[in-house]
Amino acid sequence: LLGTGSNILSALQDLFWLSKSKVEKQLQIISVLQWVLTFLVMGIACTLILMYILCTDCWAIAALYLAWLVFDWNTPKKGGRRSQWVRNWAIWRYFRDYFPIRLVKTHNLLTTRNYIFGYHPHGIMGLGAFCNFSTEATGVSQKFPGIRPYLATLAGNFRMPILRDYLMSGGICPVNRDSIDYILSKNGSGNAIIIVVGGAAESLNCTPGKNSVTLKNRKGFVKLALRHGADLVPVYSFGENEVYKQVIFEEGSWGRWVQKKFQKHIGFAPCIFHGRGLFSSNTWGLLPYSKPITTVVGEPITIPKIDNPSQKEVDFYHSMYVDSLIKLFDKYKSKFGLPETEVLEVN
């Protein structure tokens, strides 16, 4: 009987730890799912809900929010309204551990300088960029003390009620000239703006096993860096393209034509992609695959301040940046699962 009791107790302990592990996994799934839904539908959903409330007896609540929205309209262009409390939510640690996501520091950054980080590749949703720079889950403030990161995203997101406030709380700002000029010229030093340089065009070509960046003709961020004397920092995220599978439309096809039209007129390109299902990794769904993402922050390139840089000067520093990004990729590719023969494709 004593032996039987010990066996039962041992079995219960095993069951308890198994349950704890399952709970951890479910919390990770929930944390990622809420971000995916935020990315895809929160802006539209909040707009529709606000319009509905205006037609109900609670219209005064919606009217007050709209009045606040008008008053607060330019806040995103002035550095936003970040919240350390939101950036430190426990949900982001579960988000990090789902993949998992890591941030690798290679060089110190001076707090007396401002920076523009070029983030590559875009992937479908830029999950590594969000986790590393809009939350404290991977310890960006501890690894780069005194540096305030601002992840730049589509300005249209900040026209959406509620979504705009949610994004600003994480230190996300519009990727437009007004916002970047303000942060780099009127917000002191120690600022780092993270720009996903390839943008929507790059997202159209991302697929597992492919390491390519859209960069050859993307020089606007270099010109901004020169105008403000902000150092350029190449950033490469190994594994960003592995978390979703996408239907790639060939150039000249009707699908690519539709995507380019959306990109030109709206600012984003609709992608046909899938990940895993909510309850099983063997089914299709919106959840990304749990593949590791490792974001490596490279060595800063010192940039002089030139109020009106010439095209020759922009081309020179752009060339330096491209070379630096390729060197960063080549140095770390074998450490994060890529063969030595892998080459970064620059388009």
Foldseek 3Di string as FASTA:
>chain_A
DVVVVVVVVVVVVVVVVVVVVVVLLLLLLVLLVVVLCLQPPPLVVQVVVLVVCCVDPNVVVSVVLVVVCVVCVCQLLQQFDAALVLLADPSLLSPCVLLPEEEAEDDADDQQAEEEEAEDDCAQPNSNCCSQQLHCNRPPCVVHPNAHEEEEDAPVQCVGPPSVNSNRRSRYHHPDDSSLCNCLPPVGGRYYYYYNQQAQVSNLPQAPPAFEGAQPPRLPVLQSCQQRQHWYKYKYKPCSSVFKHFDHDDPPDPQVVQQVVCCVPPNHGDTHIWAADSVDRVHTHHGTHSHYIYMYIGDIDGHHHDNDDDPVNSVVVSVVVVVRNQVVCLVCVVVRPHDNPDGYHYD
